[in-house]
C-alpha cells in the first residue's frame, strides 16, 4: 500500500505493558481479564492507558476475591455479579465452554429479560453502566459462539441465526445508549465485511433481522469516517516533513505520531532531508546508503559511471532486509519507555481488503514491532507454527491453536481467534 494512501479502515491497537520476569497460566488469565475489561467496560473513544487498566484490574482482584463475588451472586448484587461473570469468562481455555449460567446472569443484568414468572429480576446496584457492560459481554459471548460453529452459515440460515441476531441487536442497544465499546465496533466491522463471503450480498440490509438495526450500521459508518479523517489529518502533517515521522531504513516501516519520537542523523546533511531512525540498528544499516549524502566529498564515493575498468571490486552489499524472527526476551522490549512508535499491519484476510491494524506501543522495541508485522504476512500454516514458537503463550492456548488449525477453517475464524488471544484487535 503506498505511503500516501488512506486505508479503508484503521484499527488502533495500543499496547504499553511493561516486561515481567515470567509468564504463567495465571498471568495469562489475568491478561485476558484485562483485555475483556478493555473490550467491554470502556468506550473506544475514551480508552485507558495500560498502566491505568492494569492498576484497575489489580485493584479489583485484591478487593474482590472469588468468595466475595460468589456471595454477591447469592445477594443478587449486580456489580459483584458482573465481576463474577468477567472472571469466569477470562478463565475460559477451551472452545465452547461459555456456560448457560453465565449467559443467564448476564441477561438478568441487562434488565431486558423477564424471568419464568414474567417479571424482571430485581437486582441491587444495577445501574445503567452495569446494564451496558452486560450487553457488551453478551455480544462478546454470542460473537464467539458464532465462530465456534463447525460450519459457516448460509444466507438462508442467517435469516434465523440467533447468536448473530443477538450480536446485532445488543450492539444496536449499546449504540442507542451512546456506549461504543471496542467489541461493538469489532462486531459491526464483521457484518460490514461479510459481503465478501456472501458474493457481494450486504447482509446488513438484505437480512431482515439485521436490517432493522439501522443505528448500528450508521454508527459503523461514522466510525470509518472518523478514522479516515484522523488518518488524512496525520498524513497531511507528515507530508510537511516525512523524514521526521518514518524510519529511513528500507523495509523497516516503523513510524511515529510525534516528530521527536525518532532520532535524527547528527551529520552534515541538510536539515530538510536529514533522515530519522527508530534504532541504532537501522542507522547502521542505512549508513551504507546515507554516508554519501551525509559526508562532504567522501573518499569512498561510489562509482556512478561505468568506465570499463575491471580492476575494481564491489565488496559491500546493501541488505535492507531484517532478521527479527528469533528475538531474545530482552530484545522484545525497549530499554527505556519513550515516545510512542507504531507499525501498520495490513490484514492477511482476503475478506477484509484495505483494513489495517495499527500497533502502537511505548514499550515494545522496533525489532519486535517489525517481527510481529512480518509474522502476519506469512502463509497461514507457517504463521501458526512460527507463532507457537515466538509468542509466550501457555500450553493450554497452544493446544487450542492446534485444534483450531486442524479443524475446518472458516472465514476469518483463525485470524480472529489468534488476534483475540494475543491482543491484536
Protein backbone atom coordinates (compact mmCIF):
# COMPACT_ATOMS: atom_id res chain seq x y z
CA UNK A 1 0.00 0.00 0.00
CA UNK A 2 1.52 3.36 -0.95
CA UNK A 3 2.55 5.53 1.95
CA UNK A 4 0.16 8.29 0.84
CA UNK A 5 -2.89 6.04 0.51
CA UNK A 6 -5.59 6.10 3.15
CA UNK A 7 -6.66 2.56 4.14
CA UNK A 8 -10.35 1.68 4.20
CA UNK A 9 -10.33 1.16 7.98
CA UNK A 10 -7.58 1.59 10.58
CA UNK A 11 -7.99 -0.17 13.91
CA UNK A 12 -5.72 1.30 16.59
CA UNK A 13 -4.18 -1.25 18.95
CA UNK A 14 -2.33 0.35 21.86
CA UNK A 15 -0.06 -1.87 23.94
CA UNK A 16 2.13 -0.38 26.65
CA UNK A 17 2.62 -3.31 29.02
CA UNK A 18 5.91 -3.38 30.85
CA UNK A 19 8.04 -6.56 30.78
CA UNK A 20 7.64 -9.10 33.54
CA UNK A 21 10.08 -11.84 34.54
CA UNK A 22 7.71 -14.76 33.95
CA UNK A 23 4.53 -15.60 32.07
CA UNK A 24 2.46 -18.26 33.83
CA UNK A 25 -1.04 -19.56 33.20
CA UNK A 26 -2.30 -17.29 35.99
CA UNK A 27 -0.62 -14.29 34.41
CA UNK A 28 -2.11 -15.21 31.03
CA UNK A 29 -5.57 -15.43 32.58
CA UNK A 30 -5.10 -12.00 34.14
CA UNK A 31 -4.06 -10.56 30.76
CA UNK A 32 -7.26 -11.98 29.22
CA UNK A 33 -9.19 -10.41 32.08
CA UNK A 34 -7.65 -7.03 31.27
CA UNK A 35 -8.46 -7.44 27.57
CA UNK A 36 -12.06 -8.21 28.47
CA UNK A 37 -12.28 -5.12 30.67
CA UNK A 38 -10.91 -3.01 27.85
CA UNK A 39 -13.24 -4.62 25.27
CA UNK A 40 -16.40 -4.45 27.37
CA UNK A 41 -16.05 -1.75 30.00
CA UNK A 42 -14.52 1.18 28.11
CA UNK A 43 -15.84 3.21 25.20
CA UNK A 44 -13.48 3.09 22.23
CA UNK A 45 -13.47 6.91 22.21
CA UNK A 46 -12.07 7.02 25.76
CA UNK A 47 -9.70 4.09 26.02
CA UNK A 48 -7.45 3.84 29.11
CA UNK A 49 -3.70 3.51 29.08
CA UNK A 50 -2.28 0.14 30.03
CA UNK A 51 -0.99 1.47 33.33
CA UNK A 52 -4.46 2.63 34.32
CA UNK A 53 -6.05 -0.58 33.06
CA UNK A 54 -3.55 -2.75 34.93
CA UNK A 55 -3.93 -0.80 38.19
CA UNK A 56 -7.71 -1.02 37.98
CA UNK A 57 -7.60 -4.75 37.27
CA UNK A 58 -5.21 -5.47 40.14
CA UNK A 59 -7.32 -3.40 42.49
CA UNK A 60 -10.45 -5.39 41.57
CA UNK A 61 -8.62 -8.67 42.05
CA UNK A 62 -7.42 -7.68 45.51
CA UNK A 63 -10.63 -6.07 46.73
CA UNK A 64 -12.97 -8.68 45.30
CA UNK A 65 -11.81 -12.27 45.82
CA UNK A 66 -13.94 -15.04 44.33
CA UNK A 67 -15.52 -15.82 47.72
CA UNK A 68 -16.90 -12.28 47.89
CA UNK A 69 -18.14 -12.48 44.31
CA UNK A 70 -19.91 -15.77 44.98
CA UNK A 71 -21.57 -14.14 47.97
CA UNK A 72 -22.58 -11.26 45.71
CA UNK A 73 -24.26 -13.76 43.40
CA UNK A 74 -26.32 -15.02 46.33
CA UNK A 75 -27.26 -11.48 47.40
CA UNK A 76 -28.07 -10.50 43.79
CA UNK A 77 -25.69 -7.56 43.81
CA UNK A 78 -25.44 -6.51 40.15
CA UNK A 79 -21.90 -5.10 40.32
CA UNK A 80 -20.49 -8.18 42.00
CA UNK A 81 -22.47 -10.42 39.64
CA UNK A 82 -20.91 -8.76 36.59
CA UNK A 83 -17.42 -9.01 38.04
CA UNK A 84 -18.08 -12.70 38.72
CA UNK A 85 -19.05 -13.24 35.07
CA UNK A 86 -15.97 -11.35 33.91
CA UNK A 87 -13.67 -13.60 35.96
CA UNK A 88 -15.38 -16.72 34.62
CA UNK A 89 -15.11 -15.56 31.02
CA UNK A 90 -11.41 -14.76 31.44
CA UNK A 91 -10.72 -18.31 32.64
CA UNK A 92 -12.19 -19.96 29.53
CA UNK A 93 -9.45 -22.02 27.91
CA UNK A 94 -11.41 -24.49 25.77
CA UNK A 95 -13.71 -23.90 22.84
CA UNK A 96 -17.39 -23.73 23.64
CA UNK A 97 -17.17 -23.51 27.43
CA UNK A 98 -19.38 -20.45 27.92
CA UNK A 99 -21.91 -21.94 30.32
CA UNK A 100 -25.65 -21.25 30.38
CA UNK A 101 -25.49 -19.89 33.93
CA UNK A 102 -23.07 -17.16 32.83
CA UNK A 103 -25.32 -16.21 29.92
CA UNK A 104 -28.38 -16.26 32.18
CA UNK A 105 -26.68 -13.99 34.73
CA UNK A 106 -25.65 -11.50 32.02
CA UNK A 107 -29.21 -11.45 30.67
CA UNK A 108 -30.52 -10.60 34.13
CA UNK A 109 -28.01 -7.80 34.44
CA UNK A 110 -29.20 -6.15 31.22
CA UNK A 111 -32.71 -5.65 32.62
CA UNK A 112 -34.13 -6.65 29.24
CA UNK A 113 -35.20 -10.21 30.04
CA UNK A 114 -38.07 -11.47 32.16
CA UNK A 115 -37.83 -14.50 34.43
CA UNK A 116 -40.07 -17.58 34.31
CA UNK A 117 -42.77 -15.69 36.21
CA UNK A 118 -42.83 -12.98 33.56
CA UNK A 119 -41.15 -10.45 35.81
CA UNK A 120 -37.93 -8.55 35.53
CA UNK A 121 -35.43 -9.74 38.17
CA UNK A 122 -34.80 -7.26 40.95
CA UNK A 123 -31.10 -6.72 41.49
CA UNK A 124 -29.22 -4.38 43.77
CA UNK A 125 -26.94 -1.69 42.28
CA UNK A 126 -27.99 -2.42 38.69
CA UNK A 127 -27.01 0.91 37.19
CA UNK A 128 -27.20 1.88 33.52
CA UNK A 129 -23.44 1.38 33.34
CA UNK A 130 -23.70 -2.22 34.55
CA UNK A 131 -26.50 -2.86 32.08
CA UNK A 132 -24.31 -1.59 29.24
CA UNK A 133 -21.38 -3.72 30.45
CA UNK A 134 -23.63 -6.80 30.50
CA UNK A 135 -24.87 -6.08 26.96
CA UNK A 136 -21.27 -5.80 25.76
CA UNK A 137 -20.40 -9.09 27.48
CA UNK A 138 -23.33 -10.83 25.77
CA UNK A 139 -22.15 -9.50 22.42
CA UNK A 140 -18.71 -10.96 23.13
CA UNK A 141 -20.19 -14.34 24.11
CA UNK A 142 -22.55 -14.68 21.16
CA UNK A 143 -19.91 -13.46 18.73
CA UNK A 144 -17.55 -16.20 19.87
CA UNK A 145 -20.32 -18.79 19.78
CA UNK A 146 -20.90 -18.00 16.12
CA UNK A 147 -17.25 -18.54 15.20
CA UNK A 148 -17.04 -21.76 17.20
CA UNK A 149 -19.53 -23.46 14.91
CA UNK A 150 -18.49 -26.37 12.74
CA UNK A 151 -19.64 -24.66 9.53
CA UNK A 152 -20.31 -21.20 8.16
CA UNK A 153 -23.94 -20.11 7.97
CA UNK A 154 -25.61 -19.86 4.58
CA UNK A 155 -27.67 -16.82 3.66
CA UNK A 156 -30.82 -18.82 4.35
CA UNK A 157 -29.59 -19.84 7.79
CA UNK A 158 -28.66 -16.24 8.64
CA UNK A 159 -32.31 -15.21 8.47
CA UNK A 160 -32.99 -17.03 11.74
CA UNK A 161 -29.50 -17.18 13.23
CA UNK A 162 -29.90 -16.50 16.96
CA UNK A 163 -26.28 -15.76 18.01
CA UNK A 164 -25.66 -13.22 15.24
CA UNK A 165 -29.13 -11.78 15.69
CA UNK A 166 -28.36 -11.19 19.35
CA UNK A 167 -24.98 -9.67 18.49
CA UNK A 168 -26.54 -7.14 16.12
CA UNK A 169 -29.46 -6.31 18.41
CA UNK A 170 -27.44 -5.89 21.62
CA UNK A 171 -24.86 -3.81 19.75
CA UNK A 172 -27.65 -1.57 18.48
CA UNK A 173 -28.91 -1.12 22.05
CA UNK A 174 -25.42 -0.07 23.14
CA UNK A 175 -25.33 2.47 20.31
CA UNK A 176 -28.70 3.85 21.43
CA UNK A 177 -27.21 4.32 24.89
CA UNK A 178 -24.26 6.13 23.22
CA UNK A 179 -21.93 3.42 24.51
CA UNK A 180 -19.47 2.10 21.94
CA UNK A 181 -17.00 -0.36 23.45
CA UNK A 182 -14.46 -1.99 21.11
CA UNK A 183 -16.50 -5.22 20.89
CA UNK A 184 -19.38 -3.27 19.29
CA UNK A 185 -17.02 -1.79 16.70
CA UNK A 186 -15.47 -5.18 16.02
CA UNK A 187 -18.85 -6.85 15.58
CA UNK A 188 -20.16 -4.09 13.32
CA UNK A 189 -16.99 -4.34 11.23
CA UNK A 190 -17.53 -8.06 10.74
CA UNK A 191 -21.08 -7.51 9.49
CA UNK A 192 -19.84 -4.82 7.08
CA UNK A 193 -17.12 -7.10 5.67
CA UNK A 194 -19.27 -10.24 5.44
CA UNK A 195 -20.42 -9.35 1.92
CA UNK A 196 -17.09 -10.64 0.61
CA UNK A 197 -18.11 -14.05 1.95
CA UNK A 198 -21.61 -13.97 0.51
CA UNK A 199 -20.76 -12.95 -3.08
CA UNK A 200 -21.25 -9.24 -2.57
CA UNK A 201 -24.52 -9.52 -0.62
CA UNK A 202 -24.58 -6.97 2.20
CA UNK A 203 -26.27 -8.94 4.98
CA UNK A 204 -26.80 -5.75 6.99
CA UNK A 205 -29.58 -4.69 4.64
CA UNK A 206 -30.72 -7.90 2.95
CA UNK A 207 -31.34 -10.00 6.07
CA UNK A 208 -34.48 -8.71 7.87
CA UNK A 209 -33.21 -9.34 11.41
CA UNK A 210 -30.09 -7.29 10.68
CA UNK A 211 -31.70 -4.57 8.55
CA UNK A 212 -33.76 -3.30 11.49
CA UNK A 213 -30.58 -2.45 13.44
CA UNK A 214 -30.10 0.68 11.35
CA UNK A 215 -28.49 2.79 14.07
CA UNK A 216 -25.69 0.23 14.46
CA UNK A 217 -24.71 0.43 10.78
CA UNK A 218 -24.87 4.22 10.91
CA UNK A 219 -22.53 4.17 13.92
CA UNK A 220 -20.11 1.95 11.99
CA UNK A 221 -20.13 4.32 9.02
CA UNK A 222 -19.36 7.23 11.35
CA UNK A 223 -16.51 5.24 12.89
CA UNK A 224 -14.99 4.56 9.46
CA UNK A 225 -15.34 8.22 8.52
CA UNK A 226 -13.73 9.39 11.75
CA UNK A 227 -10.80 7.01 11.33
CA UNK A 228 -10.30 8.13 7.72
CA UNK A 229 -10.44 11.80 8.75
CA UNK A 230 -7.93 11.18 11.53
CA UNK A 231 -5.57 9.42 9.11
CA UNK A 232 -5.92 12.15 6.49
CA UNK A 233 -5.04 14.75 9.10
CA UNK A 234 -2.00 12.73 10.16
CA UNK A 235 -0.86 12.25 6.56
CA UNK A 236 -1.19 15.99 5.93
CA UNK A 237 1.08 16.67 8.91
CA UNK A 238 3.58 14.03 7.81
CA UNK A 239 3.66 15.39 4.25
CA UNK A 240 5.26 18.62 5.53
CA UNK A 241 8.30 16.72 6.88
CA UNK A 242 8.03 12.99 6.00
CA UNK A 243 11.62 12.30 7.06
CA UNK A 244 10.71 13.16 10.68
CA UNK A 245 7.89 10.63 11.07
CA UNK A 246 9.25 7.50 9.37
CA UNK A 247 12.37 5.44 9.90
CA UNK A 248 14.63 5.99 6.89
CA UNK A 249 15.91 2.40 6.74
CA UNK A 250 14.38 0.46 3.86
CA UNK A 251 11.78 -2.16 4.82
CA UNK A 252 11.70 -1.03 8.43
CA UNK A 253 8.25 0.54 8.40
CA UNK A 254 8.43 1.95 11.94
CA UNK A 255 6.61 5.26 12.15
CA UNK A 256 5.69 7.86 14.75
CA UNK A 257 2.92 10.32 15.51
CA UNK A 258 5.34 12.80 17.08
CA UNK A 259 8.32 14.16 15.18
CA UNK A 260 10.59 13.80 18.21
CA UNK A 261 9.91 10.09 18.60
CA UNK A 262 12.63 9.13 16.09
CA UNK A 263 16.28 10.16 16.35
CA UNK A 264 17.75 12.19 13.54
CA UNK A 265 21.14 11.78 11.97
CA UNK A 266 23.75 14.04 13.60
CA UNK A 267 25.80 14.53 10.44
CA UNK A 268 26.24 17.40 7.98
CA UNK A 269 23.23 16.53 5.81
CA UNK A 270 20.68 19.24 5.12
CA UNK A 271 18.03 19.59 7.87
CA UNK A 272 15.15 19.37 5.42
CA UNK A 273 16.23 15.89 4.29
CA UNK A 274 18.04 14.69 7.41
CA UNK A 275 16.87 11.09 7.98
CA UNK A 276 15.39 9.78 11.21
CA UNK A 277 15.83 6.32 12.70
CA UNK A 278 13.96 4.15 15.19
CA UNK A 279 17.10 2.39 16.43
CA UNK A 280 20.85 2.24 16.15
CA UNK A 281 20.49 -0.94 14.10
CA UNK A 282 18.53 0.91 11.42
CA UNK A 283 21.00 3.77 11.33
CA UNK A 284 23.92 1.38 10.83
CA UNK A 285 22.01 -0.49 8.14
CA UNK A 286 21.12 2.71 6.29
CA UNK A 287 24.59 4.23 6.64
CA UNK A 288 25.82 2.33 3.60
CA UNK A 289 23.46 4.47 1.54
CA UNK A 290 23.27 7.67 3.54
CA UNK A 291 27.00 8.26 4.04
CA UNK A 292 27.35 9.66 0.51
CA UNK A 293 24.84 12.37 1.37
CA UNK A 294 25.90 12.96 4.96
CA UNK A 295 29.63 13.41 4.30
CA UNK A 296 31.17 16.14 2.20
CA UNK A 297 33.34 14.73 -0.62
CA UNK A 298 33.74 11.24 0.87
CA UNK A 299 36.89 9.42 -0.21
CA UNK A 300 34.93 6.22 -0.75
CA UNK A 301 32.30 7.75 -3.01
CA UNK A 302 30.51 5.16 -5.13
CA UNK A 303 31.23 4.60 -8.80
CA UNK A 304 28.26 6.12 -10.61
CA UNK A 305 29.54 5.89 -14.20
CA UNK A 306 30.89 2.68 -15.73
CA UNK A 307 34.39 3.30 -17.10
CA UNK A 308 35.12 -0.20 -18.44
CA UNK A 309 37.72 -0.63 -15.70
CA UNK A 310 37.51 -4.19 -14.33
CA UNK A 311 40.17 -3.66 -11.66
CA UNK A 312 37.65 -2.56 -9.00
CA UNK A 313 35.57 -4.96 -6.98
CA UNK A 314 32.32 -4.26 -5.14
CA UNK A 315 32.95 -5.55 -1.64
CA UNK A 316 29.88 -4.05 0.06
CA UNK A 317 26.36 -5.34 -0.33
CA UNK A 318 23.36 -3.40 0.92
CA UNK A 319 20.92 -5.75 2.65
CA UNK A 320 17.76 -3.88 3.65
CA UNK A 321 16.01 -7.00 4.97
CA UNK A 322 15.71 -7.78 8.68
CA UNK A 323 16.07 -10.99 10.63
CA UNK A 324 13.80 -10.22 13.59
CA UNK A 325 12.25 -13.67 13.81
CA UNK A 326 14.02 -15.19 16.81
CA UNK A 327 14.27 -12.34 19.31
CA UNK A 328 15.56 -12.77 22.83
CA UNK A 329 13.28 -11.81 25.69
CA UNK A 330 15.32 -8.66 26.26
CA UNK A 331 15.10 -7.66 22.58
CA UNK A 332 11.29 -7.60 22.70
CA UNK A 333 11.25 -4.56 24.97
CA UNK A 334 12.62 -1.06 24.61
CA UNK A 335 15.35 -0.20 27.09
CA UNK A 336 13.55 2.97 28.15
CA UNK A 337 9.85 3.75 27.90
CA UNK A 338 9.81 6.58 25.42
CA UNK A 339 7.59 8.28 22.88
CA UNK A 340 5.10 6.04 21.11
CA UNK A 341 6.11 4.22 17.92
CA UNK A 342 3.82 2.24 15.65
CA UNK A 343 3.73 -0.13 12.73
CA UNK A 344 0.87 -0.76 10.30
CA UNK A 345 -0.15 -4.38 9.76
CA UNK A 346 -2.32 -4.94 6.66
CA UNK A 347 -4.88 -7.63 7.31
CA UNK A 348 -3.97 -11.01 5.82
CA UNK A 349 -7.62 -11.89 5.22
CA UNK A 350 -8.96 -11.54 1.70
CA UNK A 351 -12.32 -10.79 3.29
CA UNK A 352 -11.05 -7.52 4.80
CA UNK A 353 -9.46 -5.59 1.93
CA UNK A 354 -7.98 -2.26 2.91
CA UNK A 355 -8.22 -2.93 6.65
CA UNK A 356 -5.10 -2.10 8.67
CA UNK A 357 -4.27 -2.84 12.29
CA UNK A 358 -2.03 -0.12 13.71
CA UNK A 359 0.02 -1.48 16.61
CA UNK A 360 1.15 1.40 18.81
CA UNK A 361 3.47 0.99 21.77
CA UNK A 362 5.82 2.80 24.11
CA UNK A 363 7.34 -0.41 25.47
CA UNK A 364 7.78 -2.78 22.50
CA UNK A 365 11.08 -2.48 20.66
CA UNK A 366 11.15 -1.57 16.95
CA UNK A 367 12.53 -5.05 16.25
CA UNK A 368 9.51 -6.68 17.87
CA UNK A 369 7.04 -4.42 16.05
CA UNK A 370 8.66 -5.35 12.73
CA UNK A 371 8.73 -9.03 13.67
CA UNK A 372 5.06 -9.03 14.60
CA UNK A 373 4.10 -7.29 11.36
CA UNK A 374 6.12 -9.73 9.28
CA UNK A 375 4.58 -12.66 11.16
CA UNK A 376 1.12 -11.75 9.86
CA UNK A 377 2.36 -11.59 6.28
CA UNK A 378 3.43 -15.26 6.28
CA UNK A 379 1.28 -18.07 4.84
CA UNK A 380 -1.25 -19.40 7.35
CA UNK A 381 0.43 -22.71 8.09
CA UNK A 382 3.87 -21.18 8.51
CA UNK A 383 2.50 -18.34 10.61
CA UNK A 384 0.65 -20.63 13.02
CA UNK A 385 3.68 -22.81 13.67
CA UNK A 386 6.03 -19.86 13.99
CA UNK A 387 3.64 -18.05 16.31
CA UNK A 388 3.60 -21.00 18.68
CA UNK A 389 7.40 -20.71 18.95
CA UNK A 390 7.77 -16.93 19.13
CA UNK A 391 4.89 -15.82 21.35
CA UNK A 392 4.88 -16.50 25.11
CA UNK A 393 1.64 -18.49 25.32
CA UNK A 394 0.67 -21.16 27.86
CA UNK A 395 0.38 -24.79 26.76
CA UNK A 396 -3.42 -24.69 27.07
CA UNK A 397 -3.58 -22.00 24.43
CA UNK A 398 -1.15 -23.77 22.09
CA UNK A 399 -3.33 -26.89 22.27
CA UNK A 400 -6.33 -24.79 21.32
CA UNK A 401 -4.45 -23.22 18.39
CA UNK A 402 -3.51 -26.67 17.11
CA UNK A 403 -7.13 -27.79 17.34
CA UNK A 404 -8.28 -24.67 15.52
CA UNK A 405 -5.75 -25.16 12.74
CA UNK A 406 -6.61 -28.84 12.24
CA UNK A 407 -10.35 -28.17 12.15
CA UNK A 408 -12.20 -26.93 9.08
CA UNK A 409 -11.15 -23.31 8.57
CA UNK A 410 -13.88 -20.75 8.08
CA UNK A 411 -13.88 -17.16 7.00
CA UNK A 412 -11.81 -15.14 9.41
CA UNK A 413 -12.14 -17.67 12.27
CA UNK A 414 -8.47 -18.49 12.69
CA UNK A 415 -7.47 -14.86 12.19
CA UNK A 416 -9.94 -13.52 14.74
CA UNK A 417 -9.10 -16.15 17.37
CA UNK A 418 -5.35 -15.67 17.04
CA UNK A 419 -5.66 -11.89 17.22
CA UNK A 420 -8.06 -12.20 20.11
CA UNK A 421 -5.59 -14.28 22.12
CA UNK A 422 -2.51 -12.14 21.51
CA UNK A 423 -4.27 -8.82 21.92
CA UNK A 424 -4.39 -7.64 18.29
CA UNK A 425 -7.94 -6.26 17.82
